[in-house]
N, C-alpha and C. Protein backbone atom coordinates (compact mmCIF):
# COMPACT_ATOMS: atom_id res chain seq x y z
N MET A 1 14.24 17.83 36.62
CA MET A 1 15.30 17.63 34.94
C MET A 1 15.46 19.18 35.17
N LYS A 2 16.94 19.56 34.81
CA LYS A 2 17.04 20.36 33.70
C LYS A 2 16.28 21.12 32.16
N PRO A 3 15.64 22.28 32.26
CA PRO A 3 15.35 22.84 31.36
C PRO A 3 15.25 22.35 29.85
N GLN A 4 16.90 22.39 29.43
CA GLN A 4 17.93 22.02 28.18
C GLN A 4 17.80 20.22 28.07
N TYR A 5 17.20 19.20 29.36
CA TYR A 5 17.11 18.02 28.97
C TYR A 5 15.49 18.11 28.03
N VAL A 6 14.23 18.88 28.97
CA VAL A 6 13.92 18.54 28.85
C VAL A 6 12.94 19.09 27.04
N VAL A 7 13.31 20.05 26.90
CA VAL A 7 13.88 20.70 25.46
C VAL A 7 14.18 19.48 24.57
N SER A 8 15.16 19.18 25.07
CA SER A 8 15.55 17.94 24.08
C SER A 8 15.73 16.91 23.70
N LEU A 9 14.30 16.02 25.31
CA LEU A 9 13.36 15.17 25.58
C LEU A 9 12.36 14.96 24.39
N VAL A 10 11.86 17.26 24.57
CA VAL A 10 10.87 17.06 23.91
C VAL A 10 11.01 17.36 21.90
N ALA A 11 11.92 17.14 21.85
CA ALA A 11 12.39 17.07 20.13
C ALA A 11 12.06 15.86 19.76
N LEU A 12 12.71 15.66 20.44
CA LEU A 12 13.52 13.38 20.24
C LEU A 12 11.91 12.95 20.49
N VAL A 13 11.17 13.30 20.89
CA VAL A 13 9.52 12.39 20.91
C VAL A 13 8.67 13.55 19.66
N LEU A 14 9.30 14.04 19.15
CA LEU A 14 8.43 14.68 18.18
C LEU A 14 9.13 14.94 16.82
N VAL A 15 10.15 14.42 16.64
CA VAL A 15 11.41 13.92 15.38
C VAL A 15 10.48 11.87 15.23
N GLY A 16 10.60 12.04 16.75
CA GLY A 16 10.66 10.08 16.42
C GLY A 16 8.97 10.10 16.16
N GLY A 17 7.76 10.74 16.85
CA GLY A 17 6.50 10.52 16.03
C GLY A 17 6.83 10.38 14.87
N ALA A 18 7.59 11.92 14.45
CA ALA A 18 6.92 12.44 13.17
C ALA A 18 8.17 11.11 12.11
N LEU A 19 8.75 10.90 12.02
CA LEU A 19 9.24 9.62 11.88
C LEU A 19 8.78 7.85 11.41
N ALA A 20 7.54 8.22 12.15
CA ALA A 20 6.70 6.93 12.85
C ALA A 20 6.02 6.84 11.54
N PHE A 21 5.73 7.94 12.31
CA PHE A 21 3.99 8.71 11.11
C PHE A 21 4.41 8.45 9.53
N MET A 22 5.82 9.03 8.95
CA MET A 22 6.23 9.15 8.03
C MET A 22 6.34 7.69 7.90
N SER A 23 7.15 6.70 8.10
CA SER A 23 7.21 5.11 7.57
C SER A 23 5.80 4.54 7.83
N TYR A 24 4.93 4.68 8.39
CA TYR A 24 3.34 4.61 8.52
C TYR A 24 2.62 4.67 7.45
N THR A 25 2.99 5.65 6.76
CA THR A 25 2.90 5.73 5.78
C THR A 25 2.72 6.10 4.25
N THR A 26 4.06 5.49 4.10
CA THR A 26 4.75 5.15 2.80
C THR A 26 4.19 4.39 2.15
N GLY A 27 3.79 4.05 0.78
CA GLY A 27 2.93 2.94 0.50
C GLY A 27 1.95 3.42 0.02
N GLY A 28 1.80 3.76 1.05
CA GLY A 28 -0.31 3.62 1.01
C GLY A 28 -1.13 3.63 -0.19
N VAL A 29 -2.46 3.76 0.29
CA VAL A 29 -3.31 3.99 -0.43
C VAL A 29 -2.97 5.56 -1.07
N GLY A 30 -2.98 6.11 -2.27
CA GLY A 30 -2.79 7.56 -2.65
C GLY A 30 -1.60 7.52 -2.70
N THR A 31 -0.89 7.04 -2.71
CA THR A 31 0.88 7.29 -2.60
C THR A 31 1.31 7.14 -4.12
N VAL A 32 2.40 8.24 -4.66
CA VAL A 32 2.70 8.12 -5.76
C VAL A 32 4.21 8.88 -5.37
N THR A 33 5.57 7.60 -6.03
CA THR A 33 6.47 7.56 -5.90
C THR A 33 7.38 7.67 -7.31
N THR A 34 8.57 8.35 -7.33
CA THR A 34 9.59 7.57 -8.97
C THR A 34 10.34 7.26 -8.28
N THR A 35 10.48 6.66 -9.67
CA THR A 35 11.55 5.54 -9.48
C THR A 35 12.28 5.22 -10.25
N ASP A 36 13.40 4.09 -10.63
CA ASP A 36 13.64 3.70 -11.86
C ASP A 36 13.58 3.24 -13.17
N ALA A 37 11.94 2.77 -12.29
CA ALA A 37 10.77 1.78 -12.94
C ALA A 37 10.05 2.82 -13.75
N GLY A 38 9.41 4.23 -12.98
CA GLY A 38 8.70 5.27 -13.89
C GLY A 38 8.09 5.22 -11.78
N ILE A 39 6.85 6.55 -12.52
CA ILE A 39 6.23 6.40 -11.49
C ILE A 39 5.32 5.98 -10.77
N THR A 40 4.94 5.87 -9.37
CA THR A 40 3.40 4.36 -9.69
C THR A 40 2.97 5.19 -8.44
N ARG A 41 1.25 5.38 -8.73
CA ARG A 41 0.60 5.48 -7.88
C ARG A 41 -0.51 4.05 -7.24
N ILE A 42 -0.32 4.42 -6.07
CA ILE A 42 -1.61 3.34 -5.38
C ILE A 42 -2.55 3.40 -5.40
N TYR A 43 -3.52 2.54 -5.38
CA TYR A 43 -5.21 3.04 -5.30
C TYR A 43 -5.43 2.28 -4.65
N ALA A 44 -5.19 1.04 -4.08
CA ALA A 44 -6.04 0.63 -2.85
C ALA A 44 -5.01 -0.73 -2.22
N LYS A 45 -6.08 -0.80 -1.64
CA LYS A 45 -5.51 -2.24 -0.55
C LYS A 45 -5.89 -3.57 -1.11
N VAL A 46 -5.63 -4.17 -2.45
CA VAL A 46 -5.79 -5.48 -2.84
C VAL A 46 -4.86 -6.02 -3.50
N GLU A 47 -5.18 -7.49 -3.34
CA GLU A 47 -3.65 -8.60 -3.91
C GLU A 47 -4.06 -8.64 -5.34
N PRO A 48 -3.26 -7.55 -6.21
CA PRO A 48 -3.24 -7.65 -7.45
C PRO A 48 -2.76 -9.60 -7.73
N ASP A 49 -3.48 -10.20 -9.17
CA ASP A 49 -3.02 -11.63 -9.02
C ASP A 49 -2.88 -11.19 -10.72
N ALA A 50 -3.14 -9.76 -11.77
CA ALA A 50 -3.26 -9.75 -12.78
C ALA A 50 -2.22 -8.66 -13.27
N GLU A 51 -1.56 -8.20 -14.15
CA GLU A 51 -0.90 -6.84 -14.42
C GLU A 51 -0.51 -6.65 -16.35
N VAL A 52 -1.39 -5.06 -16.23
CA VAL A 52 -1.22 -5.76 -18.10
C VAL A 52 -0.86 -3.51 -18.20
N SER A 53 0.09 -4.07 -19.44
CA SER A 53 0.26 -2.52 -19.61
C SER A 53 0.26 -2.44 -21.20
N VAL A 54 -0.47 -1.29 -21.10
CA VAL A 54 -0.87 -0.12 -21.46
C VAL A 54 -0.56 0.45 -22.69
N PRO A 55 -0.04 0.83 -24.14
CA PRO A 55 1.01 1.69 -24.66
C PRO A 55 0.25 2.60 -24.09
N ILE A 56 0.74 4.30 -24.64
CA ILE A 56 -0.52 5.50 -23.66
C ILE A 56 0.48 6.41 -24.92
N ALA A 57 -0.42 7.60 -24.85
CA ALA A 57 -0.31 8.68 -25.62
C ALA A 57 -0.03 9.83 -24.43
N LEU A 58 1.51 10.75 -24.43
CA LEU A 58 1.58 11.91 -23.30
C LEU A 58 0.71 12.87 -24.50
N LEU A 59 0.16 14.03 -23.75
CA LEU A 59 -0.11 15.14 -24.81
C LEU A 59 1.55 15.20 -25.57
N GLU A 60 1.38 15.92 -26.73
CA GLU A 60 2.53 16.86 -27.37
C GLU A 60 2.84 17.63 -26.86
N GLY A 61 4.44 17.42 -25.94
CA GLY A 61 4.43 18.41 -25.92
C GLY A 61 5.15 18.56 -23.97
N SER A 62 4.02 17.07 -23.66
CA SER A 62 4.28 17.86 -21.67
C SER A 62 5.27 16.67 -21.75
N ASP A 63 6.15 16.49 -20.24
CA ASP A 63 6.06 15.69 -19.85
C ASP A 63 5.93 14.46 -18.41
N VAL A 64 6.60 13.33 -18.78
CA VAL A 64 5.36 11.95 -18.15
C VAL A 64 5.76 12.29 -16.38
N ALA A 65 6.57 13.74 -15.98
CA ALA A 65 5.76 13.85 -14.68
C ALA A 65 4.68 15.16 -14.62
N HIS A 66 5.17 15.47 -15.52
CA HIS A 66 3.74 16.91 -15.75
C HIS A 66 2.12 15.93 -15.74
N GLU A 67 2.41 15.10 -16.76
CA GLU A 67 0.63 13.67 -17.66
C GLU A 67 0.19 12.69 -16.30
N SER A 68 1.62 12.74 -15.54
CA SER A 68 1.13 11.61 -14.48
C SER A 68 0.07 11.81 -14.03
N ASP A 69 -0.17 13.19 -13.48
CA ASP A 69 -1.27 12.73 -12.39
C ASP A 69 -2.53 12.82 -12.98
N HIS A 70 -2.60 13.21 -14.34
CA HIS A 70 -4.32 12.77 -15.29
C HIS A 70 -4.48 11.81 -16.03
N VAL A 71 -3.19 11.18 -16.31
CA VAL A 71 -3.84 9.68 -16.39
C VAL A 71 -4.12 8.60 -15.05
N PHE A 72 -2.98 9.57 -13.83
CA PHE A 72 -3.88 8.33 -12.72
C PHE A 72 -5.08 9.25 -12.53
N ASP A 73 -5.58 9.99 -12.73
CA ASP A 73 -6.65 9.70 -12.74
C ASP A 73 -7.40 9.20 -13.21
N ALA A 74 -7.27 9.08 -15.02
CA ALA A 74 -8.07 7.74 -15.45
C ALA A 74 -9.09 7.21 -14.86
N LEU A 75 -7.51 6.50 -13.53
CA LEU A 75 -8.18 5.08 -13.04
C LEU A 75 -8.84 5.15 -11.39
N ASN A 76 -9.40 6.39 -11.54
CA ASN A 76 -9.28 6.74 -10.20
C ASN A 76 -10.38 5.65 -9.63
N GLY A 77 -11.40 5.46 -8.87
CA GLY A 77 -12.55 5.13 -8.84
C GLY A 77 -12.98 4.16 -8.84
N ARG A 78 -12.18 2.71 -9.74
CA ARG A 78 -11.89 1.58 -10.39
C ARG A 78 -11.62 0.86 -9.57
N PRO A 79 -12.40 0.12 -9.20
CA PRO A 79 -12.34 -1.01 -8.38
C PRO A 79 -11.33 -1.91 -8.66
N GLY A 80 -10.17 -3.03 -7.97
CA GLY A 80 -9.44 -3.49 -8.43
C GLY A 80 -8.73 -3.04 -8.52
N ILE A 81 -8.52 -2.21 -8.16
CA ILE A 81 -6.92 -0.96 -8.93
C ILE A 81 -5.58 -1.18 -7.93
N ARG A 82 -5.09 -1.99 -8.10
CA ARG A 82 -3.34 -2.02 -6.55
C ARG A 82 -2.70 -0.65 -6.62
N GLU A 83 -2.12 -0.94 -7.91
CA GLU A 83 -1.17 0.18 -8.18
C GLU A 83 -0.80 0.23 -9.78
N ALA A 84 -0.47 0.96 -10.03
CA ALA A 84 0.08 1.19 -12.02
C ALA A 84 1.20 2.47 -12.00
N THR A 85 1.78 2.27 -12.84
CA THR A 85 3.53 2.95 -13.16
C THR A 85 3.27 3.45 -14.71
N ILE A 86 3.69 4.40 -14.75
CA ILE A 86 3.70 5.20 -16.15
C ILE A 86 5.38 4.71 -16.22
N LYS A 87 5.74 4.93 -17.25
CA LYS A 87 7.30 4.62 -17.62
C LYS A 87 7.57 5.58 -17.88
N LEU A 88 8.78 5.15 -17.37
CA LEU A 88 9.55 7.14 -17.45
C LEU A 88 9.30 8.07 -19.09
N ASP A 89 10.12 6.78 -20.06
CA ASP A 89 9.56 7.49 -20.97
C ASP A 89 8.40 8.17 -21.99
N GLY A 90 7.54 7.79 -21.10
CA GLY A 90 6.04 8.03 -20.99
C GLY A 90 5.59 7.04 -22.21
N SER A 91 6.05 5.09 -22.56
CA SER A 91 5.54 4.98 -23.72
C SER A 91 4.95 4.09 -23.33
N ALA A 92 4.64 3.68 -21.07
CA ALA A 92 3.58 3.05 -21.21
C ALA A 92 2.75 3.36 -19.93
N ILE A 93 2.06 2.85 -19.91
CA ILE A 93 1.71 2.82 -18.12
C ILE A 93 0.94 0.99 -17.96
N VAL A 94 1.27 0.61 -17.08
CA VAL A 94 1.52 -1.08 -16.12
C VAL A 94 0.34 -0.46 -14.82
N VAL A 95 -0.34 -1.59 -15.61
CA VAL A 95 -1.52 -2.08 -14.04
C VAL A 95 -1.23 -2.90 -13.34
N ARG A 96 -1.39 -3.23 -12.15
CA ARG A 96 -1.97 -4.28 -11.46
C ARG A 96 -3.01 -4.60 -10.56
N TYR A 97 -3.45 -5.40 -10.78
CA TYR A 97 -4.61 -5.27 -10.40
C TYR A 97 -5.91 -7.12 -9.45
N SER A 98 -6.62 -6.77 -9.10
CA SER A 98 -7.78 -7.73 -9.61
C SER A 98 -8.30 -8.35 -10.68
N SER A 99 -8.13 -9.51 -11.08
CA SER A 99 -9.40 -10.34 -11.69
C SER A 99 -10.58 -10.69 -11.26
N ALA A 100 -10.16 -10.58 -10.06
CA ALA A 100 -11.91 -10.88 -9.84
C ALA A 100 -12.72 -9.02 -9.79
N GLU A 101 -11.79 -8.25 -9.83
CA GLU A 101 -12.57 -6.90 -9.31
C GLU A 101 -12.30 -6.46 -10.85
N ILE A 102 -12.05 -6.36 -10.69
CA ILE A 102 -11.96 -5.53 -12.64
C ILE A 102 -11.20 -6.28 -14.25
N ARG A 103 -12.06 -6.10 -15.00
CA ARG A 103 -11.43 -6.72 -16.38
C ARG A 103 -10.69 -5.71 -17.14
N GLU A 104 -9.34 -6.48 -17.14
CA GLU A 104 -8.69 -5.74 -18.38
C GLU A 104 -9.24 -4.57 -19.02
N ALA A 105 -9.97 -5.61 -19.77
CA ALA A 105 -10.71 -3.87 -21.22
C ALA A 105 -11.25 -3.76 -20.57
N ASP A 106 -11.29 -3.07 -19.01
CA ASP A 106 -11.82 -2.04 -18.46
C ASP A 106 -11.28 -1.23 -17.66
N ILE A 107 -10.12 -1.60 -17.89
CA ILE A 107 -8.41 -0.45 -17.36
C ILE A 107 -8.60 -0.21 -18.93
N ILE A 108 -8.52 -1.17 -19.98
CA ILE A 108 -7.72 0.08 -21.13
C ILE A 108 -9.04 0.67 -21.60
N GLY A 109 -10.33 0.44 -21.53
CA GLY A 109 -10.95 1.36 -21.48
C GLY A 109 -11.36 2.71 -20.55
N SER A 110 -11.57 2.33 -19.69
CA SER A 110 -10.81 3.94 -18.40
C SER A 110 -9.74 4.67 -19.82
N LEU A 111 -8.95 4.30 -19.66
CA LEU A 111 -7.45 5.04 -20.23
C LEU A 111 -7.75 5.60 -21.64
N ALA A 112 -8.75 4.96 -22.37
CA ALA A 112 -8.90 5.08 -23.58
C ALA A 112 -9.88 6.44 -23.50
N THR A 113 -11.10 6.20 -23.11
CA THR A 113 -12.06 6.85 -23.12
C THR A 113 -11.80 9.03 -21.83
N ALA A 114 -10.47 8.70 -21.26
CA ALA A 114 -9.36 9.92 -21.17
C ALA A 114 -8.96 10.35 -22.20
N GLY A 115 -8.68 9.73 -22.61
CA GLY A 115 -8.60 9.99 -24.41
C GLY A 115 -6.62 9.14 -23.87
N TYR A 116 -6.18 8.63 -23.36
CA TYR A 116 -4.35 8.52 -23.33
C TYR A 116 -4.44 6.94 -23.77
N ALA A 117 -4.82 5.74 -23.71
CA ALA A 117 -4.65 4.45 -24.57
C ALA A 117 -4.29 4.80 -26.27
N SER A 118 -3.10 4.51 -26.74
CA SER A 118 -2.75 4.79 -27.77
C SER A 118 -3.12 3.31 -28.72
N ASN A 119 -2.96 3.02 -29.51
CA ASN A 119 -3.31 2.15 -30.31
C ASN A 119 -1.92 1.81 -31.30
N GLN A 120 -0.60 1.84 -30.85
CA GLN A 120 0.43 1.96 -31.12
C GLN A 120 1.22 0.43 -30.81
């Protein structure tokens, strides 16, 4: 086989492997994506059967993209949370979860303890 064919074949295999890896990891635990709906973080592979929208208050002057990591950190380690989406205007966070594993009050409490739950 000619050397240029070997190089092309190796490059094709590497690119194919990288694309396969990216498609496998997209949407996995820990993934953060931004869409028209907001900024979403995947926490666990649980089957959600409930959803709660919690009004939040971001730090004055902070933008949603910057503050999202901190808000998401408030829910780290909580069992039963599938995903959380912060609305792009920063007014609320929508959390999808398994009600068999965590209560709505626990989610709101975690956000309140971190200083993000708003009474608006």
